[in-house]
C-alpha cells in the first residue's frame, strides 16, 4: 500500500481581499489538484466569484525525500 502525501493549497480572492488554505492527504499530486479545484468551485458558489488557487505545495516530512527532490 502506497503511503499518502500531504499537500497544502492556498487560495485567494482579490475582490473580497481574502485568503484561505486547505490540506489534503492523498496519494498523488493530481488528486490534490482535483480536490483543490472542487474546493474553489464550492467557494465560488457560496461566496461569489473570484476565488482562485495561488499555490499547491507538497509537505515534505521526510528529510530523505526532501534531499531527493532537490537533486
PDB file of N, CA and C in Angstrom:
ATOM      1  N   UNK A   1       0.842  -1.183   0.000  1.00  0.00           N
ATOM      2  CA  UNK A   1       0.000   0.000   0.000  1.00  0.00           C
ATOM      3  C   UNK A   1       0.889   1.250   0.000  1.00  0.00           C
ATOM      4  N   UNK A   2       0.615   2.143  -0.904  1.00  0.00           N
ATOM      5  CA  UNK A   2       1.386   3.368  -1.026  1.00  0.00           C
ATOM      6  C   UNK A   2       0.986   4.359   0.066  1.00  0.00           C
ATOM      7  N   UNK A   3       1.994   5.012   0.626  1.00  0.00           N
ATOM      8  CA  UNK A   3       1.741   5.997   1.675  1.00  0.00           C
ATOM      9  C   UNK A   3       1.237   7.300   1.056  1.00  0.00           C
ATOM     10  N   UNK A   4       0.263   7.901   1.692  1.00  0.00           N
ATOM     11  CA  UNK A   4      -0.266   9.173   1.214  1.00  0.00           C
ATOM     12  C   UNK A   4       0.726  10.302   1.467  1.00  0.00           C
ATOM     13  N   UNK A   5       0.579  11.339   0.681  1.00  0.00           N
ATOM     14  CA  UNK A   5       1.393  12.543   0.814  1.00  0.00           C
ATOM     15  C   UNK A   5       0.479  13.692   1.203  1.00  0.00           C
ATOM     16  N   UNK A   6       0.981  14.591   2.018  1.00  0.00           N
ATOM     17  CA  UNK A   6       0.180  15.746   2.419  1.00  0.00           C
ATOM     18  C   UNK A   6       0.474  16.914   1.475  1.00  0.00           C
ATOM     19  N   UNK A   7      -0.599  17.609   1.080  1.00  0.00           N
ATOM     20  CA  UNK A   7      -0.485  18.776   0.216  1.00  0.00           C
ATOM     21  C   UNK A   7      -1.220  19.940   0.869  1.00  0.00           C
ATOM     22  N   UNK A   8      -0.651  21.128   0.761  1.00  0.00           N
ATOM     23  CA  UNK A   8      -1.291  22.343   1.253  1.00  0.00           C
ATOM     24  C   UNK A   8      -1.623  23.207   0.049  1.00  0.00           C
ATOM     25  N   UNK A   9      -2.837  23.754   0.056  1.00  0.00           N
ATOM     26  CA  UNK A   9      -3.301  24.596  -1.047  1.00  0.00           C
ATOM     27  C   UNK A   9      -3.652  25.969  -0.495  1.00  0.00           C
ATOM     28  N   UNK A  10      -3.206  27.002  -1.196  1.00  0.00           N
ATOM     29  CA  UNK A  10      -3.538  28.381  -0.837  1.00  0.00           C
ATOM     30  C   UNK A  10      -4.464  28.950  -1.906  1.00  0.00           C
ATOM     31  N   UNK A  11      -5.497  29.654  -1.445  1.00  0.00           N
ATOM     32  CA  UNK A  11      -6.492  30.266  -2.317  1.00  0.00           C
ATOM     33  C   UNK A  11      -6.519  31.770  -2.058  1.00  0.00           C
ATOM     34  N   UNK A  12      -6.937  32.528  -3.062  1.00  0.00           N
ATOM     35  CA  UNK A  12      -7.013  33.988  -2.915  1.00  0.00           C
ATOM     36  C   UNK A  12      -8.242  34.492  -3.642  1.00  0.00           C
ATOM     37  N   UNK A  13      -8.854  35.516  -3.064  1.00  0.00           N
ATOM     38  CA  UNK A  13      -9.955  36.221  -3.711  1.00  0.00           C
ATOM     39  C   UNK A  13      -9.642  37.701  -3.608  1.00  0.00           C
ATOM     40  N   UNK A  14      -9.173  38.291  -4.713  1.00  0.00           N
ATOM     41  CA  UNK A  14      -8.798  39.709  -4.723  1.00  0.00           C
ATOM     42  C   UNK A  14     -10.006  40.616  -4.536  1.00  0.00           C
ATOM     43  N   UNK A  15     -11.148  40.210  -5.055  1.00  0.00           N
ATOM     44  CA  UNK A  15     -12.353  41.025  -4.936  1.00  0.00           C
ATOM     45  C   UNK A  15     -12.783  41.180  -3.484  1.00  0.00           C
ATOM     46  N   UNK A  16     -12.700  40.085  -2.725  1.00  0.00           N
ATOM     47  CA  UNK A  16     -13.080  40.121  -1.315  1.00  0.00           C
ATOM     48  C   UNK A  16     -11.910  40.428  -0.387  1.00  0.00           C
ATOM     49  N   UNK A  17     -10.706  40.492  -0.940  1.00  0.00           N
ATOM     50  CA  UNK A  17      -9.477  40.700  -0.159  1.00  0.00           C
ATOM     51  C   UNK A  17      -9.369  39.647   0.947  1.00  0.00           C
ATOM     52  N   UNK A  18      -9.542  38.376   0.541  1.00  0.00           N
ATOM     53  CA  UNK A  18      -9.483  37.258   1.476  1.00  0.00           C
ATOM     54  C   UNK A  18      -8.577  36.165   0.932  1.00  0.00           C
ATOM     55  N   UNK A  19      -8.066  35.365   1.856  1.00  0.00           N
ATOM     56  CA  UNK A  19      -7.270  34.200   1.502  1.00  0.00           C
ATOM     57  C   UNK A  19      -7.775  33.019   2.315  1.00  0.00           C
ATOM     58  N   UNK A  20      -7.482  31.825   1.826  1.00  0.00           N
ATOM     59  CA  UNK A  20      -7.870  30.599   2.524  1.00  0.00           C
ATOM     60  C   UNK A  20      -6.829  29.537   2.215  1.00  0.00           C
ATOM     61  N   UNK A  21      -6.840  28.476   3.007  1.00  0.00           N
ATOM     62  CA  UNK A  21      -5.954  27.354   2.731  1.00  0.00           C
ATOM     63  C   UNK A  21      -6.628  26.067   3.164  1.00  0.00           C
ATOM     64  N   UNK A  22      -6.157  24.970   2.598  1.00  0.00           N
ATOM     65  CA  UNK A  22      -6.661  23.661   2.978  1.00  0.00           C
ATOM     66  C   UNK A  22      -5.532  22.652   2.836  1.00  0.00           C
ATOM     67  N   UNK A  23      -5.723  21.509   3.489  1.00  0.00           N
ATOM     68  CA  UNK A  23      -4.735  20.425   3.440  1.00  0.00           C
ATOM     69  C   UNK A  23      -5.418  19.180   2.894  1.00  0.00           C
ATOM     70  N   UNK A  24      -4.683  18.426   2.093  1.00  0.00           N
ATOM     71  CA  UNK A  24      -5.176  17.176   1.543  1.00  0.00           C
ATOM     72  C   UNK A  24      -4.149  16.084   1.792  1.00  0.00           C
ATOM     73  N   UNK A  25      -4.620  14.914   2.140  1.00  0.00           N
ATOM     74  CA  UNK A  25      -3.785  13.752   2.405  1.00  0.00           C
ATOM     75  C   UNK A  25      -4.157  12.690   1.373  1.00  0.00           C
ATOM     76  N   UNK A  26      -3.453  12.701   0.239  1.00  0.00           N
ATOM     77  CA  UNK A  26      -3.785  11.827  -0.885  1.00  0.00           C
ATOM     78  C   UNK A  26      -2.520  11.174  -1.434  1.00  0.00           C
ATOM     79  N   UNK A  27      -2.690  10.229  -2.352  1.00  0.00           N
ATOM     80  CA  UNK A  27      -1.542   9.508  -2.908  1.00  0.00           C
ATOM     81  C   UNK A  27      -0.778  10.307  -3.961  1.00  0.00           C
ATOM     82  N   UNK A  28      -1.508  11.080  -4.789  1.00  0.00           N
ATOM     83  CA  UNK A  28      -0.850  11.737  -5.920  1.00  0.00           C
ATOM     84  C   UNK A  28      -1.175  13.223  -5.978  1.00  0.00           C
ATOM     85  N   UNK A  29      -0.261  13.982  -6.588  1.00  0.00           N
ATOM     86  CA  UNK A  29      -0.427  15.417  -6.787  1.00  0.00           C
ATOM     87  C   UNK A  29      -1.721  15.706  -7.544  1.00  0.00           C
ATOM     88  N   UNK A  30      -2.006  14.900  -8.565  1.00  0.00           N
ATOM     89  CA  UNK A  30      -3.194  15.114  -9.386  1.00  0.00           C
ATOM     90  C   UNK A  30      -4.474  15.052  -8.565  1.00  0.00           C
ATOM     91  N   UNK A  31      -4.499  14.151  -7.577  1.00  0.00           N
ATOM     92  CA  UNK A  31      -5.669  14.050  -6.708  1.00  0.00           C
ATOM     93  C   UNK A  31      -5.849  15.326  -5.883  1.00  0.00           C
ATOM     94  N   UNK A  32      -4.746  15.850  -5.379  1.00  0.00           N
ATOM     95  CA  UNK A  32      -4.807  17.100  -4.607  1.00  0.00           C
ATOM     96  C   UNK A  32      -5.279  18.244  -5.486  1.00  0.00           C
ATOM     97  N   UNK A  33      -4.823  18.286  -6.722  1.00  0.00           N
ATOM     98  CA  UNK A  33      -5.225  19.345  -7.643  1.00  0.00           C
ATOM     99  C   UNK A  33      -6.722  19.275  -7.949  1.00  0.00           C
ATOM    100  N   UNK A  34      -7.235  18.086  -8.153  1.00  0.00           N
ATOM    101  CA  UNK A  34      -8.669  17.914  -8.409  1.00  0.00           C
ATOM    102  C   UNK A  34      -9.478  18.389  -7.204  1.00  0.00           C
ATOM    103  N   UNK A  35      -9.071  17.985  -6.001  1.00  0.00           N
ATOM    104  CA  UNK A  35      -9.767  18.411  -4.789  1.00  0.00           C
ATOM    105  C   UNK A  35      -9.699  19.921  -4.602  1.00  0.00           C
ATOM    106  N   UNK A  36      -8.561  20.507  -4.923  1.00  0.00           N
ATOM    107  CA  UNK A  36      -8.400  21.960  -4.796  1.00  0.00           C
ATOM    108  C   UNK A  36      -9.350  22.688  -5.750  1.00  0.00           C
ATOM    109  N   UNK A  37      -9.460  22.199  -6.981  1.00  0.00           N
ATOM    110  CA  UNK A  37     -10.387  22.827  -7.941  1.00  0.00           C
ATOM    111  C   UNK A  37     -11.835  22.673  -7.505  1.00  0.00           C
ATOM    112  N   UNK A  38     -12.170  21.524  -6.925  1.00  0.00           N
ATOM    113  CA  UNK A  38     -13.526  21.333  -6.400  1.00  0.00           C
ATOM    114  C   UNK A  38     -13.796  22.313  -5.257  1.00  0.00           C
ATOM    115  N   UNK A  39     -12.785  22.537  -4.419  1.00  0.00           N
ATOM    116  CA  UNK A  39     -12.939  23.480  -3.310  1.00  0.00           C
ATOM    117  C   UNK A  39     -13.145  24.907  -3.820  1.00  0.00           C
ATOM    118  N   UNK A  40     -12.401  25.286  -4.861  1.00  0.00           N
ATOM    119  CA  UNK A  40     -12.571  26.616  -5.469  1.00  0.00           C
ATOM    120  C   UNK A  40     -13.985  26.749  -6.028  1.00  0.00           C
ATOM    121  N   UNK A  41     -14.467  25.718  -6.692  1.00  0.00           N
ATOM    122  CA  UNK A  41     -15.836  25.758  -7.217  1.00  0.00           C
ATOM    123  C   UNK A  41     -16.846  25.961  -6.098  1.00  0.00           C
ATOM    124  N   UNK A  42     -16.664  25.255  -4.982  1.00  0.00           N
ATOM    125  CA  UNK A  42     -17.565  25.410  -3.834  1.00  0.00           C
ATOM    126  C   UNK A  42     -17.486  26.809  -3.240  1.00  0.00           C
ATOM    127  N   UNK A  43     -16.268  27.332  -3.086  1.00  0.00           N
ATOM    128  CA  UNK A  43     -16.115  28.696  -2.551  1.00  0.00           C
ATOM    129  C   UNK A  43     -16.811  29.714  -3.447  1.00  0.00           C
ATOM    130  N   UNK A  44     -16.656  29.551  -4.749  1.00  0.00           N
ATOM    131  CA  UNK A  44     -17.263  30.499  -5.687  1.00  0.00           C
ATOM    132  C   UNK A  44     -18.785  30.397  -5.698  1.00  0.00           C
ATOM    133  N   UNK A  45     -19.327  29.221  -5.436  1.00  0.00           N
ATOM    134  CA  UNK A  45     -20.782  29.075  -5.356  1.00  0.00           C
ATOM    135  C   UNK A  45     -21.331  29.693  -4.072  1.00  0.00           C
ATOM    136  N   UNK A  46     -20.608  29.532  -2.982  1.00  0.00           N
ATOM    137  CA  UNK A  46     -21.082  30.012  -1.675  1.00  0.00           C
ATOM    138  C   UNK A  46     -20.851  31.508  -1.501  1.00  0.00           C
ATOM    139  N   UNK A  47     -19.654  31.964  -1.832  1.00  0.00           N
ATOM    140  CA  UNK A  47     -19.262  33.339  -1.509  1.00  0.00           C
ATOM    141  C   UNK A  47     -19.199  34.266  -2.719  1.00  0.00           C
ATOM    142  N   UNK A  48     -19.506  33.792  -3.875  1.00  0.00           N
ATOM    143  CA  UNK A  48     -19.395  34.613  -5.071  1.00  0.00           C
ATOM    144  C   UNK A  48     -18.111  34.323  -5.815  1.00  0.00           C
ATOM    145  N   UNK A  49     -17.985  34.890  -6.986  1.00  0.00           N
ATOM    146  CA  UNK A  49     -16.836  34.587  -7.840  1.00  0.00           C
ATOM    147  C   UNK A  49     -15.574  35.280  -7.359  1.00  0.00           C
ATOM    148  N   UNK A  50     -14.466  34.835  -7.899  1.00  0.00           N
ATOM    149  CA  UNK A  50     -13.195  35.487  -7.625  1.00  0.00           C
ATOM    150  C   UNK A  50     -12.158  34.604  -6.962  1.00  0.00           C
ATOM    151  N   UNK A  51     -12.550  33.442  -6.429  1.00  0.00           N
ATOM    152  CA  UNK A  51     -11.580  32.566  -5.781  1.00  0.00           C
ATOM    153  C   UNK A  51     -10.733  31.865  -6.828  1.00  0.00           C
ATOM    154  N   UNK A  52      -9.435  31.737  -6.528  1.00  0.00           N
ATOM    155  CA  UNK A  52      -8.504  31.044  -7.417  1.00  0.00           C
ATOM    156  C   UNK A  52      -7.419  30.382  -6.584  1.00  0.00           C
ATOM    157  N   UNK A  53      -6.794  29.376  -7.144  1.00  0.00           N
ATOM    158  CA  UNK A  53      -5.681  28.695  -6.490  1.00  0.00           C
ATOM    159  C   UNK A  53      -4.414  29.501  -6.753  1.00  0.00           C
ATOM    160  N   UNK A  54      -3.668  29.800  -5.705  1.00  0.00           N
ATOM    161  CA  UNK A  54      -2.408  30.525  -5.909  1.00  0.00           C
ATOM    162  C   UNK A  54      -1.196  29.671  -5.563  1.00  0.00           C
ATOM    163  N   UNK A  55      -1.415  28.516  -4.970  1.00  0.00           N
ATOM    164  CA  UNK A  55      -0.293  27.628  -4.672  1.00  0.00           C
ATOM    165  C   UNK A  55      -0.755  26.266  -4.219  1.00  0.00           C
ATOM    166  N   UNK A  56      -0.035  25.245  -4.664  1.00  0.00           N
ATOM    167  CA  UNK A  56      -0.291  23.869  -4.242  1.00  0.00           C
ATOM    168  C   UNK A  56       1.071  23.262  -3.943  1.00  0.00           C
ATOM    169  N   UNK A  57       1.295  22.918  -2.684  1.00  0.00           N
ATOM    170  CA  UNK A  57       2.614  22.508  -2.233  1.00  0.00           C
ATOM    171  C   UNK A  57       2.575  21.135  -1.583  1.00  0.00           C
ATOM    172  N   UNK A  58       3.569  20.331  -1.886  1.00  0.00           N
ATOM    173  CA  UNK A  58       3.742  19.073  -1.179  1.00  0.00           C
ATOM    174  C   UNK A  58       4.447  19.374   0.136  1.00  0.00           C
ATOM    175  N   UNK A  59       3.943  18.802   1.210  1.00  0.00           N
ATOM    176  CA  UNK A  59       4.554  18.983   2.519  1.00  0.00           C
ATOM    177  C   UNK A  59       5.576  17.866   2.695  1.00  0.00           C
ATOM    178  N   UNK A  60       6.845  18.225   2.793  1.00  0.00           N
ATOM    179  CA  UNK A  60       7.921  17.235   2.889  1.00  0.00           C
ATOM    180  C   UNK A  60       8.259  16.987   4.356  1.00  0.00           C
ATOM    181  N   UNK A  61       7.828  15.836   4.869  1.00  0.00           N
ATOM    182  CA  UNK A  61       8.127  15.469   6.251  1.00  0.00           C
ATOM    183  C   UNK A  61       9.392  14.629   6.351  1.00  0.00           C
ATOM    184  N   UNK A  62       9.783  14.014   5.255  1.00  0.00           N
ATOM    185  CA  UNK A  62      10.939  13.128   5.255  1.00  0.00           C
ATOM    186  C   UNK A  62      12.160  13.871   4.721  1.00  0.00           C
ATOM    187  N   UNK A  63      13.217  13.918   5.511  1.00  0.00           N
ATOM    188  CA  UNK A  63      14.447  14.598   5.090  1.00  0.00           C
ATOM    189  C   UNK A  63      15.027  13.918   3.852  1.00  0.00           C
ATOM    190  N   UNK A  64      14.967  12.592   3.792  1.00  0.00           N
ATOM    191  CA  UNK A  64      15.480  11.859   2.631  1.00  0.00           C
ATOM    192  C   UNK A  64      14.697  12.221   1.369  1.00  0.00           C
ATOM    193  N   UNK A  65      13.376  12.326   1.504  1.00  0.00           N
ATOM    194  CA  UNK A  65      12.548  12.700   0.354  1.00  0.00           C
ATOM    195  C   UNK A  65      12.865  14.127  -0.087  1.00  0.00           C
ATOM    196  N   UNK A  66      13.088  15.002   0.878  1.00  0.00           N
ATOM    197  CA  UNK A  66      13.462  16.382   0.554  1.00  0.00           C
ATOM    198  C   UNK A  66      14.769  16.413  -0.220  1.00  0.00           C
ATOM    199  N   UNK A  67      15.775  15.696   0.259  1.00  0.00           N
ATOM    200  CA  UNK A  67      17.067  15.668  -0.433  1.00  0.00           C
ATOM    201  C   UNK A  67      16.927  15.130  -1.849  1.00  0.00           C
ATOM    202  N   UNK A  68      16.105  14.095  -2.030  1.00  0.00           N
ATOM    203  CA  UNK A  68      15.909  13.527  -3.358  1.00  0.00           C
ATOM    204  C   UNK A  68      15.213  14.504  -4.284  1.00  0.00           C
ATOM    205  N   UNK A  69      14.378  15.370  -3.738  1.00  0.00           N
ATOM    206  CA  UNK A  69      13.627  16.297  -4.583  1.00  0.00           C
ATOM    207  C   UNK A  69      14.463  17.475  -5.084  1.00  0.00           C
ATOM    208  N   UNK A  70      15.558  17.781  -4.418  1.00  0.00           N
ATOM    209  CA  UNK A  70      16.360  18.940  -4.828  1.00  0.00           C
ATOM    210  C   UNK A  70      17.584  18.557  -5.647  1.00  0.00           C
ATOM    211  N   UNK A  71      17.776  17.278  -5.889  1.00  0.00           N
ATOM    212  CA  UNK A  71      18.948  16.843  -6.676  1.00  0.00           C
ATOM    213  C   UNK A  71      18.558  16.358  -8.020  1.00  0.00           C
TER     214      UNK A  71
END
